Full PDB file with SEQRES, HELIX, SHEET, SSBOND, CRYST1, ORIGX, SCALE, CONECT and MASTER records, all heavy atoms in Angstrom:
SEQRES   1 A   43  GLU ALA THR LEU GLN GLU GLN PRO ILE ASP GLU LYS ALA          
SEQRES   2 A   43  THR THR GLN GLU THR ALA SER GLU PRO THR THR MET ASP          
SEQRES   3 A   43  GLU LEU MET ASN ALA THR LYS GLY GLY GLY TYR THR GLU          
SEQRES   4 A   43  TYR ARG PRO GLY                                              
HELIX    1 AA1 MET A   25  LEU A   28  1                                   4    
CRYST1    1.000    1.000    1.000  90.00  90.00  90.00 P 1           1          
ORIGX1      1.000000  0.000000  0.000000        0.00000                         
ORIGX2      0.000000  1.000000  0.000000        0.00000                         
ORIGX3      0.000000  0.000000  1.000000        0.00000                         
SCALE1      1.000000  0.000000  0.000000        0.00000                         
SCALE2      0.000000  1.000000  0.000000        0.00000                         
SCALE3      0.000000  0.000000  1.000000        0.00000                         
ATOM      1  N   GLU A   1       0.853  -1.194  -0.027  1.00  0.00           N  
ATOM      2  CA  GLU A   1       0.025  -0.007   0.059  1.00  0.00           C  
ATOM      3  C   GLU A   1       0.864   1.278   0.029  1.00  0.00           C  
ATOM      4  O   GLU A   1       0.300   2.288  -0.095  1.00  0.00           O  
ATOM      5  CB  GLU A   1      -0.944  -0.068   1.137  1.00  0.00           C  
ATOM      6  CG  GLU A   1      -1.975  -0.983   1.080  1.00  0.00           C  
ATOM      7  CD  GLU A   1      -3.025  -0.957   2.237  1.00  0.00           C  
ATOM      8  OE1 GLU A   1      -2.554  -1.151   3.438  1.00  0.00           O  
ATOM      9  OE2 GLU A   1      -4.151  -0.645   1.985  1.00  0.00           O  
ATOM     10  N   ALA A   2       2.135   1.078  -0.005  1.00  0.00           N  
ATOM     11  CA  ALA A   2       3.029   2.198   0.022  1.00  0.00           C  
ATOM     12  C   ALA A   2       2.824   3.036  -1.298  1.00  0.00           C  
ATOM     13  O   ALA A   2       2.817   2.496  -2.413  1.00  0.00           O  
ATOM     14  CB  ALA A   2       4.454   1.892   0.123  1.00  0.00           C  
ATOM     15  N   THR A   3       2.734   4.372  -1.217  1.00  0.00           N  
ATOM     16  CA  THR A   3       2.622   5.253  -2.382  1.00  0.00           C  
ATOM     17  C   THR A   3       3.921   5.719  -2.751  1.00  0.00           C  
ATOM     18  O   THR A   3       4.635   6.572  -2.280  1.00  0.00           O  
ATOM     19  CB  THR A   3       1.768   6.469  -2.117  1.00  0.00           C  
ATOM     20  OG1 THR A   3       0.500   6.009  -1.582  1.00  0.00           O  
ATOM     21  CG2 THR A   3       1.611   7.381  -3.287  1.00  0.00           C  
ATOM     22  N   LEU A   4       4.505   4.989  -3.894  1.00  0.00           N  
ATOM     23  CA  LEU A   4       5.838   5.403  -4.385  1.00  0.00           C  
ATOM     24  C   LEU A   4       5.779   6.549  -5.253  1.00  0.00           C  
ATOM     25  O   LEU A   4       6.721   7.217  -5.690  1.00  0.00           O  
ATOM     26  CB  LEU A   4       6.462   4.158  -5.052  1.00  0.00           C  
ATOM     27  CG  LEU A   4       6.657   2.994  -4.261  1.00  0.00           C  
ATOM     28  CD1 LEU A   4       7.383   1.843  -5.112  1.00  0.00           C  
ATOM     29  CD2 LEU A   4       7.516   3.340  -3.078  1.00  0.00           C  
ATOM     30  N   GLN A   5       4.504   6.939  -5.738  1.00  0.00           N  
ATOM     31  CA  GLN A   5       4.192   8.103  -6.470  1.00  0.00           C  
ATOM     32  C   GLN A   5       4.647   8.160  -7.914  1.00  0.00           C  
ATOM     33  O   GLN A   5       3.959   8.281  -8.892  1.00  0.00           O  
ATOM     34  CB  GLN A   5       4.640   9.354  -5.745  1.00  0.00           C  
ATOM     35  CG  GLN A   5       3.937   9.515  -4.425  1.00  0.00           C  
ATOM     36  CD  GLN A   5       4.304  10.922  -3.781  1.00  0.00           C  
ATOM     37  OE1 GLN A   5       5.019  11.689  -4.370  1.00  0.00           O  
ATOM     38  NE2 GLN A   5       3.807  11.066  -2.580  1.00  0.00           N  
ATOM     39  N   GLU A   6       5.962   8.145  -8.071  1.00  0.00           N  
ATOM     40  CA  GLU A   6       6.560   8.222  -9.460  1.00  0.00           C  
ATOM     41  C   GLU A   6       7.683   7.231  -9.630  1.00  0.00           C  
ATOM     42  O   GLU A   6       8.386   6.953  -8.705  1.00  0.00           O  
ATOM     43  CB  GLU A   6       7.013   9.571  -9.716  1.00  0.00           C  
ATOM     44  CG  GLU A   6       5.977  10.653  -9.802  1.00  0.00           C  
ATOM     45  CD  GLU A   6       5.791  11.325  -8.534  1.00  0.00           C  
ATOM     46  OE1 GLU A   6       6.473  10.946  -7.525  1.00  0.00           O  
ATOM     47  OE2 GLU A   6       4.952  12.235  -8.455  1.00  0.00           O  
ATOM     48  N   GLN A   7       7.866   6.761 -10.936  1.00  0.00           N  
ATOM     49  CA  GLN A   7       8.874   5.847 -11.274  1.00  0.00           C  
ATOM     50  C   GLN A   7      10.107   6.661 -11.590  1.00  0.00           C  
ATOM     51  O   GLN A   7      10.096   7.878 -11.763  1.00  0.00           O  
ATOM     52  CB  GLN A   7       8.455   4.997 -12.548  1.00  0.00           C  
ATOM     53  CG  GLN A   7       7.256   4.152 -12.318  1.00  0.00           C  
ATOM     54  CD  GLN A   7       7.575   2.995 -11.438  1.00  0.00           C  
ATOM     55  OE1 GLN A   7       8.725   2.721 -11.190  1.00  0.00           O  
ATOM     56  NE2 GLN A   7       6.538   2.203 -11.093  1.00  0.00           N  
ATOM     57  N   PRO A   8      11.334   6.061 -11.822  1.00  0.00           N  
ATOM     58  CA  PRO A   8      12.530   6.744 -12.121  1.00  0.00           C  
ATOM     59  C   PRO A   8      12.329   7.434 -13.544  1.00  0.00           C  
ATOM     60  O   PRO A   8      11.453   7.089 -14.344  1.00  0.00           O  
ATOM     61  CB  PRO A   8      13.558   5.674 -12.273  1.00  0.00           C  
ATOM     62  CG  PRO A   8      13.004   4.525 -11.439  1.00  0.00           C  
ATOM     63  CD  PRO A   8      11.545   4.576 -11.592  1.00  0.00           C  
ATOM     64  N   ILE A   9      13.160   8.375 -13.900  1.00  0.00           N  
ATOM     65  CA  ILE A   9      13.106   9.198 -15.108  1.00  0.00           C  
ATOM     66  C   ILE A   9      13.083   8.313 -16.256  1.00  0.00           C  
ATOM     67  O   ILE A   9      13.905   7.388 -16.430  1.00  0.00           O  
ATOM     68  CB  ILE A   9      14.235  10.120 -15.152  1.00  0.00           C  
ATOM     69  CG1 ILE A   9      14.179  11.114 -13.946  1.00  0.00           C  
ATOM     70  CG2 ILE A   9      14.264  10.941 -16.478  1.00  0.00           C  
ATOM     71  CD1 ILE A   9      15.457  11.895 -13.695  1.00  0.00           C  
ATOM     72  N   ASP A  10      12.120   8.499 -17.203  1.00  0.00           N  
ATOM     73  CA  ASP A  10      12.046   7.809 -18.501  1.00  0.00           C  
ATOM     74  C   ASP A  10      12.652   8.688 -19.523  1.00  0.00           C  
ATOM     75  O   ASP A  10      12.087   9.676 -20.017  1.00  0.00           O  
ATOM     76  CB  ASP A  10      10.592   7.521 -18.777  1.00  0.00           C  
ATOM     77  CG  ASP A  10      10.378   6.790 -20.115  1.00  0.00           C  
ATOM     78  OD1 ASP A  10      11.451   6.467 -20.740  1.00  0.00           O  
ATOM     79  OD2 ASP A  10       9.308   6.576 -20.529  1.00  0.00           O  
ATOM     80  N   GLU A  11      13.936   8.469 -19.815  1.00  0.00           N  
ATOM     81  CA  GLU A  11      14.596   9.277 -20.812  1.00  0.00           C  
ATOM     82  C   GLU A  11      14.064   9.230 -22.218  1.00  0.00           C  
ATOM     83  O   GLU A  11      14.370   9.951 -23.137  1.00  0.00           O  
ATOM     84  CB  GLU A  11      16.115   9.027 -20.841  1.00  0.00           C  
ATOM     85  CG  GLU A  11      16.770   9.263 -19.567  1.00  0.00           C  
ATOM     86  CD  GLU A  11      16.870  10.766 -19.237  1.00  0.00           C  
ATOM     87  OE1 GLU A  11      16.564  11.493 -20.090  1.00  0.00           O  
ATOM     88  OE2 GLU A  11      17.212  11.105 -18.068  1.00  0.00           O  
ATOM     89  N   LYS A  12      13.158   8.187 -22.468  1.00  0.00           N  
ATOM     90  CA  LYS A  12      12.626   7.948 -23.831  1.00  0.00           C  
ATOM     91  C   LYS A  12      11.234   8.734 -23.983  1.00  0.00           C  
ATOM     92  O   LYS A  12      10.664   8.552 -25.034  1.00  0.00           O  
ATOM     93  CB  LYS A  12      12.486   6.497 -24.109  1.00  0.00           C  
ATOM     94  CG  LYS A  12      13.804   5.751 -24.144  1.00  0.00           C  
ATOM     95  CD  LYS A  12      13.595   4.240 -24.471  1.00  0.00           C  
ATOM     96  CE  LYS A  12      14.958   3.584 -24.471  1.00  0.00           C  
ATOM     97  NZ  LYS A  12      14.792   2.167 -24.747  1.00  0.00           N  
ATOM     98  N   ALA A  13      10.796   9.356 -22.889  1.00  0.00           N  
ATOM     99  CA  ALA A  13       9.471  10.000 -22.973  1.00  0.00           C  
ATOM    100  C   ALA A  13       9.511  11.098 -24.035  1.00  0.00           C  
ATOM    101  O   ALA A  13      10.546  11.744 -24.216  1.00  0.00           O  
ATOM    102  CB  ALA A  13       9.104  10.601 -21.651  1.00  0.00           C  
ATOM    103  N   THR A  14       8.418  11.329 -24.698  1.00  0.00           N  
ATOM    104  CA  THR A  14       8.359  12.423 -25.799  1.00  0.00           C  
ATOM    105  C   THR A  14       7.151  13.295 -25.580  1.00  0.00           C  
ATOM    106  O   THR A  14       6.153  12.972 -24.905  1.00  0.00           O  
ATOM    107  CB  THR A  14       8.271  11.748 -27.150  1.00  0.00           C  
ATOM    108  OG1 THR A  14       7.070  10.951 -27.219  1.00  0.00           O  
ATOM    109  CG2 THR A  14       9.511  10.993 -27.448  1.00  0.00           C  
ATOM    110  N   THR A  15       7.191  14.536 -26.143  1.00  0.00           N  
ATOM    111  CA  THR A  15       6.117  15.432 -26.086  1.00  0.00           C  
ATOM    112  C   THR A  15       5.964  16.110 -27.442  1.00  0.00           C  
ATOM    113  O   THR A  15       6.791  15.916 -28.320  1.00  0.00           O  
ATOM    114  CB  THR A  15       6.384  16.545 -25.060  1.00  0.00           C  
ATOM    115  OG1 THR A  15       7.397  17.293 -25.478  1.00  0.00           O  
ATOM    116  CG2 THR A  15       6.777  16.032 -23.653  1.00  0.00           C  
ATOM    117  N   GLN A  16       4.935  16.922 -27.627  1.00  0.00           N  
ATOM    118  CA  GLN A  16       4.761  17.610 -28.874  1.00  0.00           C  
ATOM    119  C   GLN A  16       5.831  18.639 -29.078  1.00  0.00           C  
ATOM    120  O   GLN A  16       6.240  18.895 -30.252  1.00  0.00           O  
ATOM    121  CB  GLN A  16       3.372  18.269 -28.910  1.00  0.00           C  
ATOM    122  CG  GLN A  16       2.204  17.294 -28.918  1.00  0.00           C  
ATOM    123  CD  GLN A  16       0.840  18.011 -28.889  1.00  0.00           C  
ATOM    124  OE1 GLN A  16       0.768  19.150 -28.734  1.00  0.00           O  
ATOM    125  NE2 GLN A  16      -0.113  17.281 -29.180  1.00  0.00           N  
ATOM    126  N   GLU A  17       6.311  19.237 -27.991  1.00  0.00           N  
ATOM    127  CA  GLU A  17       7.348  20.318 -28.187  1.00  0.00           C  
ATOM    128  C   GLU A  17       8.667  19.808 -28.638  1.00  0.00           C  
ATOM    129  O   GLU A  17       9.385  20.309 -29.354  1.00  0.00           O  
ATOM    130  CB  GLU A  17       7.434  21.187 -26.876  1.00  0.00           C  
ATOM    131  CG  GLU A  17       6.214  22.028 -26.621  1.00  0.00           C  
ATOM    132  CD  GLU A  17       5.112  21.304 -26.005  1.00  0.00           C  
ATOM    133  OE1 GLU A  17       5.246  20.103 -25.631  1.00  0.00           O  
ATOM    134  OE2 GLU A  17       4.084  21.848 -25.863  1.00  0.00           O  
ATOM    135  N   THR A  18       9.077  18.622 -27.988  1.00  0.00           N  
ATOM    136  CA  THR A  18      10.382  18.101 -28.224  1.00  0.00           C  
ATOM    137  C   THR A  18      10.262  16.627 -28.629  1.00  0.00           C  
ATOM    138  O   THR A  18       9.450  15.869 -28.024  1.00  0.00           O  
ATOM    139  CB  THR A  18      11.329  18.230 -27.059  1.00  0.00           C  
ATOM    140  OG1 THR A  18      10.698  17.513 -25.963  1.00  0.00           O  
ATOM    141  CG2 THR A  18      11.512  19.723 -26.707  1.00  0.00           C  
ATOM    142  N   ALA A  19      11.024  16.136 -29.517  1.00  0.00           N  
ATOM    143  CA  ALA A  19      10.924  14.795 -29.979  1.00  0.00           C  
ATOM    144  C   ALA A  19      11.503  13.728 -29.058  1.00  0.00           C  
ATOM    145  O   ALA A  19      11.175  12.593 -29.074  1.00  0.00           O  
ATOM    146  CB  ALA A  19      11.487  14.571 -31.332  1.00  0.00           C  
ATOM    147  N   SER A  20      12.461  14.223 -28.130  1.00  0.00           N  
ATOM    148  CA  SER A  20      13.179  13.204 -27.376  1.00  0.00           C  
ATOM    149  C   SER A  20      13.195  13.511 -25.878  1.00  0.00           C  
ATOM    150  O   SER A  20      13.660  12.629 -25.188  1.00  0.00           O  
ATOM    151  CB  SER A  20      14.583  13.049 -27.957  1.00  0.00           C  
ATOM    152  OG  SER A  20      15.225  14.220 -27.834  1.00  0.00           O  
ATOM    153  N   GLU A  21      12.859  14.685 -25.497  1.00  0.00           N  
ATOM    154  CA  GLU A  21      13.083  15.037 -24.001  1.00  0.00           C  
ATOM    155  C   GLU A  21      11.732  15.237 -23.278  1.00  0.00           C  
ATOM    156  O   GLU A  21      10.829  15.852 -23.814  1.00  0.00           O  
ATOM    157  CB  GLU A  21      13.840  16.372 -23.955  1.00  0.00           C  
ATOM    158  CG  GLU A  21      15.212  16.324 -24.491  1.00  0.00           C  
ATOM    159  CD  GLU A  21      16.119  15.347 -23.566  1.00  0.00           C  
ATOM    160  OE1 GLU A  21      15.799  15.162 -22.422  1.00  0.00           O  
ATOM    161  OE2 GLU A  21      17.111  14.849 -24.144  1.00  0.00           O  
ATOM    162  N   PRO A  22      11.711  14.736 -22.146  1.00  0.00           N  
ATOM    163  CA  PRO A  22      10.433  14.866 -21.308  1.00  0.00           C  
ATOM    164  C   PRO A  22      10.371  16.366 -20.791  1.00  0.00           C  
ATOM    165  O   PRO A  22      11.414  16.985 -20.557  1.00  0.00           O  
ATOM    166  CB  PRO A  22      10.637  14.008 -20.193  1.00  0.00           C  
ATOM    167  CG  PRO A  22      12.105  13.802 -20.017  1.00  0.00           C  
ATOM    168  CD  PRO A  22      12.592  13.913 -21.454  1.00  0.00           C  
ATOM    169  N   THR A  23       9.218  16.890 -20.676  1.00  0.00           N  
ATOM    170  CA  THR A  23       8.998  18.364 -20.200  1.00  0.00           C  
ATOM    171  C   THR A  23       8.110  18.462 -19.010  1.00  0.00           C  
ATOM    172  O   THR A  23       7.982  19.544 -18.504  1.00  0.00           O  
ATOM    173  CB  THR A  23       8.522  19.173 -21.356  1.00  0.00           C  
ATOM    174  OG1 THR A  23       7.206  18.687 -21.757  1.00  0.00           O  
ATOM    175  CG2 THR A  23       9.492  19.196 -22.543  1.00  0.00           C  
ATOM    176  N   THR A  24       7.492  17.412 -18.634  1.00  0.00           N  
ATOM    177  CA  THR A  24       6.696  17.499 -17.307  1.00  0.00           C  
ATOM    178  C   THR A  24       6.981  16.405 -16.477  1.00  0.00           C  
ATOM    179  O   THR A  24       7.563  15.278 -16.907  1.00  0.00           O  
ATOM    180  CB  THR A  24       5.173  17.456 -17.663  1.00  0.00           C  
ATOM    181  OG1 THR A  24       4.766  16.139 -18.094  1.00  0.00           O  
ATOM    182  CG2 THR A  24       4.734  18.512 -18.725  1.00  0.00           C  
ATOM    183  N   MET A  25       6.721  16.479 -15.160  1.00  0.00           N  
ATOM    184  CA  MET A  25       6.979  15.356 -14.251  1.00  0.00           C  
ATOM    185  C   MET A  25       6.161  14.227 -14.583  1.00  0.00           C  
ATOM    186  O   MET A  25       6.504  13.067 -14.337  1.00  0.00           O  
ATOM    187  CB  MET A  25       6.637  15.853 -12.809  1.00  0.00           C  
ATOM    188  CG  MET A  25       7.698  16.861 -12.317  1.00  0.00           C  
ATOM    189  SD  MET A  25       9.380  16.385 -12.361  1.00  0.00           S  
ATOM    190  CE  MET A  25       9.391  15.009 -11.284  1.00  0.00           C  
ATOM    191  N   ASP A  26       4.880  14.359 -15.143  1.00  0.00           N  
ATOM    192  CA  ASP A  26       4.093  13.257 -15.497  1.00  0.00           C  
ATOM    193  C   ASP A  26       4.813  12.456 -16.538  1.00  0.00           C  
ATOM    194  O   ASP A  26       4.678  11.228 -16.611  1.00  0.00           O  
ATOM    195  CB  ASP A  26       2.673  13.717 -16.003  1.00  0.00           C  
ATOM    196  CG  ASP A  26       1.816  14.162 -14.916  1.00  0.00           C  
ATOM    197  OD1 ASP A  26       2.086  13.791 -13.727  1.00  0.00           O  
ATOM    198  OD2 ASP A  26       0.852  14.895 -15.098  1.00  0.00           O  
ATOM    199  N   GLU A  27       5.540  13.125 -17.488  1.00  0.00           N  
ATOM    200  CA  GLU A  27       6.163  12.350 -18.472  1.00  0.00           C  
ATOM    201  C   GLU A  27       7.462  11.846 -18.002  1.00  0.00           C  
ATOM    202  O   GLU A  27       8.115  10.909 -18.614  1.00  0.00           O  
ATOM    203  CB  GLU A  27       6.453  13.363 -19.662  1.00  0.00           C  
ATOM    204  CG  GLU A  27       5.106  13.669 -20.468  1.00  0.00           C  
ATOM    205  CD  GLU A  27       5.328  14.965 -21.201  1.00  0.00           C  
ATOM    206  OE1 GLU A  27       6.322  15.627 -21.120  1.00  0.00           O  
ATOM    207  OE2 GLU A  27       4.297  15.242 -22.003  1.00  0.00           O  
ATOM    208  N   LEU A  28       8.029  12.399 -17.008  1.00  0.00           N  
ATOM    209  CA  LEU A  28       9.279  11.894 -16.449  1.00  0.00           C  
ATOM    210  C   LEU A  28       8.955  10.619 -15.555  1.00  0.00           C  
ATOM    211  O   LEU A  28       9.942   9.746 -15.579  1.00  0.00           O  
ATOM    212  CB  LEU A  28       9.896  12.945 -15.454  1.00  0.00           C  
ATOM    213  CG  LEU A  28      10.545  14.143 -16.158  1.00  0.00           C  
ATOM    214  CD1 LEU A  28      10.966  15.163 -15.011  1.00  0.00           C  
ATOM    215  CD2 LEU A  28      11.820  13.735 -16.830  1.00  0.00           C  
ATOM    216  N   MET A  29       7.868  10.526 -14.961  1.00  0.00           N  
ATOM    217  CA  MET A  29       7.673   9.514 -13.990  1.00  0.00           C  
ATOM    218  C   MET A  29       6.236   8.995 -14.071  1.00  0.00           C  
ATOM    219  O   MET A  29       5.333   9.759 -14.370  1.00  0.00           O  
ATOM    220  CB  MET A  29       7.911   9.994 -12.598  1.00  0.00           C  
ATOM    221  CG  MET A  29       9.346  10.442 -12.336  1.00  0.00           C  
ATOM    222  SD  MET A  29       9.343  11.535 -11.019  1.00  0.00           S  
ATOM    223  CE  MET A  29      10.121  12.936 -11.688  1.00  0.00           C  
ATOM    224  N   ASN A  30       5.995   7.692 -13.935  1.00  0.00           N  
ATOM    225  CA  ASN A  30       4.661   7.097 -13.976  1.00  0.00           C  
ATOM    226  C   ASN A  30       4.243   6.755 -12.540  1.00  0.00           C  
ATOM    227  O   ASN A  30       5.016   6.061 -11.858  1.00  0.00           O  
ATOM    228  CB  ASN A  30       4.668   5.909 -14.834  1.00  0.00           C  
ATOM    229  CG  ASN A  30       5.079   6.118 -16.320  1.00  0.00           C  
ATOM    230  OD1 ASN A  30       4.590   7.117 -16.834  1.00  0.00           O  
ATOM    231  ND2 ASN A  30       5.999   5.418 -16.736  1.00  0.00           N  
ATOM    232  N   ALA A  31       3.087   7.130 -12.121  1.00  0.00           N  
ATOM    233  CA  ALA A  31       2.632   6.963 -10.778  1.00  0.00           C  
ATOM    234  C   ALA A  31       2.248   5.374 -10.571  1.00  0.00           C  
ATOM    235  O   ALA A  31       1.795   4.782 -11.570  1.00  0.00           O  
ATOM    236  CB  ALA A  31       1.417   7.713 -10.457  1.00  0.00           C  
ATOM    237  N   THR A  32       2.636   4.829  -9.439  1.00  0.00           N  
ATOM    238  CA  THR A  32       2.257   3.449  -9.138  1.00  0.00           C  
ATOM    239  C   THR A  32       1.690   3.447  -7.730  1.00  0.00           C  
ATOM    240  O   THR A  32       2.285   3.964  -6.761  1.00  0.00           O  
ATOM    241  CB  THR A  32       3.559   2.568  -9.206  1.00  0.00           C  
ATOM    242  OG1 THR A  32       4.352   2.934  -8.177  1.00  0.00           O  
ATOM    243  CG2 THR A  32       4.209   2.573 -10.513  1.00  0.00           C  
ATOM    244  N   LYS A  33       0.547   2.881  -7.582  1.00  0.00           N  
ATOM    245  CA  LYS A  33      -0.103   2.726  -6.288  1.00  0.00           C  
ATOM    246  C   LYS A  33      -0.589   1.268  -6.214  1.00  0.00           C  
ATOM    247  O   LYS A  33      -1.511   0.969  -6.885  1.00  0.00           O  
ATOM    248  CB  LYS A  33      -1.233   3.782  -6.089  1.00  0.00           C  
ATOM    249  CG  LYS A  33      -0.755   5.153  -6.114  1.00  0.00           C  
ATOM    250  CD  LYS A  33      -1.865   6.159  -5.781  1.00  0.00           C  
ATOM    251  CE  LYS A  33      -1.418   7.583  -5.715  1.00  0.00           C  
ATOM    252  NZ  LYS A  33      -2.541   8.457  -5.277  1.00  0.00           N  
ATOM    253  N   GLY A  34       0.022   0.595  -5.355  1.00  0.00           N  
ATOM    254  CA  GLY A  34      -0.306  -0.840  -5.213  1.00  0.00           C  
ATOM    255  C   GLY A  34      -1.520  -1.003  -4.416  1.00  0.00           C  
ATOM    256  O   GLY A  34      -1.900  -0.169  -3.605  1.00  0.00           O  
ATOM    257  N   GLY A  35      -2.197  -2.112  -4.634  1.00  0.00           N  
ATOM    258  CA  GLY A  35      -3.347  -2.520  -3.766  1.00  0.00           C  
ATOM    259  C   GLY A  35      -2.863  -3.440  -2.721  1.00  0.00           C  
ATOM    260  O   GLY A  35      -1.704  -3.613  -2.514  1.00  0.00           O  
ATOM    261  N   GLY A  36      -3.757  -3.986  -1.903  1.00  0.00           N  
ATOM    262  CA  GLY A  36      -3.403  -4.871  -0.928  1.00  0.00           C  
ATOM    263  C   GLY A  36      -4.338  -4.867   0.283  1.00  0.00           C  
ATOM    264  O   GLY A  36      -5.450  -4.223   0.151  1.00  0.00           O  
ATOM    265  N   TYR A  37      -3.905  -5.378   1.368  1.00  0.00           N  
ATOM    266  CA  TYR A  37      -4.785  -5.354   2.634  1.00  0.00           C  
ATOM    267  C   TYR A  37      -4.899  -4.028   3.138  1.00  0.00           C  
ATOM    268  O   TYR A  37      -4.103  -3.115   2.818  1.00  0.00           O  
ATOM    269  CB  TYR A  37      -4.262  -6.293   3.623  1.00  0.00           C  
ATOM    270  CG  TYR A  37      -2.923  -5.877   4.167  1.00  0.00           C  
ATOM    271  CD1 TYR A  37      -2.795  -5.080   5.245  1.00  0.00           C  
ATOM    272  CD2 TYR A  37      -1.722  -6.335   3.515  1.00  0.00           C  
ATOM    273  CE1 TYR A  37      -1.583  -4.712   5.727  1.00  0.00           C  
ATOM    274  CE2 TYR A  37      -0.452  -5.953   4.033  1.00  0.00           C  
ATOM    275  CZ  TYR A  37      -0.445  -5.152   5.193  1.00  0.00           C  
ATOM    276  OH  TYR A  37       0.747  -4.766   5.603  1.00  0.00           O  
ATOM    277  N   THR A  38      -5.916  -3.853   3.922  1.00  0.00           N  
ATOM    278  CA  THR A  38      -6.201  -2.524   4.578  1.00  0.00           C  
ATOM    279  C   THR A  38      -5.402  -2.414   5.911  1.00  0.00           C  
ATOM    280  O   THR A  38      -5.626  -3.323   6.729  1.00  0.00           O  
ATOM    281  CB  THR A  38      -7.674  -2.261   4.801  1.00  0.00           C  
ATOM    282  OG1 THR A  38      -8.379  -2.282   3.534  1.00  0.00           O  
ATOM    283  CG2 THR A  38      -7.874  -0.933   5.507  1.00  0.00           C  
ATOM    284  N   GLU A  39      -4.668  -1.453   6.117  1.00  0.00           N  
ATOM    285  CA  GLU A  39      -3.944  -1.278   7.371  1.00  0.00           C  
ATOM    286  C   GLU A  39      -4.474  -0.008   7.988  1.00  0.00           C  
ATOM    287  O   GLU A  39      -4.485   1.079   7.420  1.00  0.00           O  
ATOM    288  CB  GLU A  39      -2.413  -1.089   7.126  1.00  0.00           C  
ATOM    289  CG  GLU A  39      -1.740  -0.893   8.434  1.00  0.00           C  
ATOM    290  CD  GLU A  39      -0.150  -0.953   8.265  1.00  0.00           C  
ATOM    291  OE1 GLU A  39       0.276  -1.137   7.157  1.00  0.00           O  
ATOM    292  OE2 GLU A  39       0.557  -0.697   9.237  1.00  0.00           O  
ATOM    293  N   TYR A  40      -4.979  -0.062   9.225  1.00  0.00           N  
ATOM    294  CA  TYR A  40      -5.547   0.996   9.924  1.00  0.00           C  
ATOM    295  C   TYR A  40      -4.461   1.827  10.615  1.00  0.00           C  
ATOM    296  O   TYR A  40      -4.393   1.813  11.871  1.00  0.00           O  
ATOM    297  CB  TYR A  40      -6.627   0.572  10.898  1.00  0.00           C  
ATOM    298  CG  TYR A  40      -7.653  -0.344  10.256  1.00  0.00           C  
ATOM    299  CD1 TYR A  40      -7.850  -1.650  10.773  1.00  0.00           C  
ATOM    300  CD2 TYR A  40      -8.438   0.114   9.204  1.00  0.00           C  
ATOM    301  CE1 TYR A  40      -8.870  -2.444  10.145  1.00  0.00           C  
ATOM    302  CE2 TYR A  40      -9.326  -0.739   8.613  1.00  0.00           C  
ATOM    303  CZ  TYR A  40      -9.584  -2.021   9.125  1.00  0.00           C  
ATOM    304  OH  TYR A  40     -10.536  -2.777   8.546  1.00  0.00           O  
ATOM    305  N   ARG A  41      -3.669   2.541   9.837  1.00  0.00           N  
ATOM    306  CA  ARG A  41      -2.591   3.260  10.441  1.00  0.00           C  
ATOM    307  C   ARG A  41      -3.002   4.782  10.663  1.00  0.00           C  
ATOM    308  O   ARG A  41      -3.397   5.427   9.825  1.00  0.00           O  
ATOM    309  CB  ARG A  41      -1.424   3.325   9.453  1.00  0.00           C  
ATOM    310  CG  ARG A  41      -0.194   4.105   9.910  1.00  0.00           C  
ATOM    311  CD  ARG A  41       1.033   3.979   8.899  1.00  0.00           C  
ATOM    312  NE  ARG A  41       0.606   4.258   7.598  1.00  0.00           N  
ATOM    313  CZ  ARG A  41       0.375   5.533   7.121  1.00  0.00           C  
ATOM    314  NH1 ARG A  41       0.549   6.487   7.950  1.00  0.00           N  
ATOM    315  NH2 ARG A  41       0.072   5.673   5.821  1.00  0.00           N  
ATOM    316  N   PRO A  42      -2.797   5.257  11.924  1.00  0.00           N  
ATOM    317  CA  PRO A  42      -3.115   6.659  12.205  1.00  0.00           C  
ATOM    318  C   PRO A  42      -2.483   7.594  11.297  1.00  0.00           C  
ATOM    319  O   PRO A  42      -1.334   7.417  11.015  1.00  0.00           O  
ATOM    320  CB  PRO A  42      -2.677   6.755  13.658  1.00  0.00           C  
ATOM    321  CG  PRO A  42      -2.730   5.387  14.259  1.00  0.00           C  
ATOM    322  CD  PRO A  42      -2.349   4.550  13.054  1.00  0.00           C  
ATOM    323  N   GLY A  43      -3.277   8.596  10.822  1.00  0.00           N  
ATOM    324  CA  GLY A  43      -2.776   9.557   9.827  1.00  0.00           C  
ATOM    325  C   GLY A  43      -3.001   9.204   8.416  1.00  0.00           C  
ATOM    326  O   GLY A  43      -2.817  10.061   7.574  1.00  0.00           O  
TER     327      GLY A  43                                                      
MASTER        0    0    0    1    0    0    0    6  326    1    0    4          
END                                                                             
């Protein structure tokens, strides 16, 4: 259930402005949120 939020930089990501370079954090990293059991952790 840990939120790692983003993956390492993807140097192959592309955008309309540049053919080979990422320009936003969304393009740099892909969010991952795993599922699993429920832990009743305060906070």
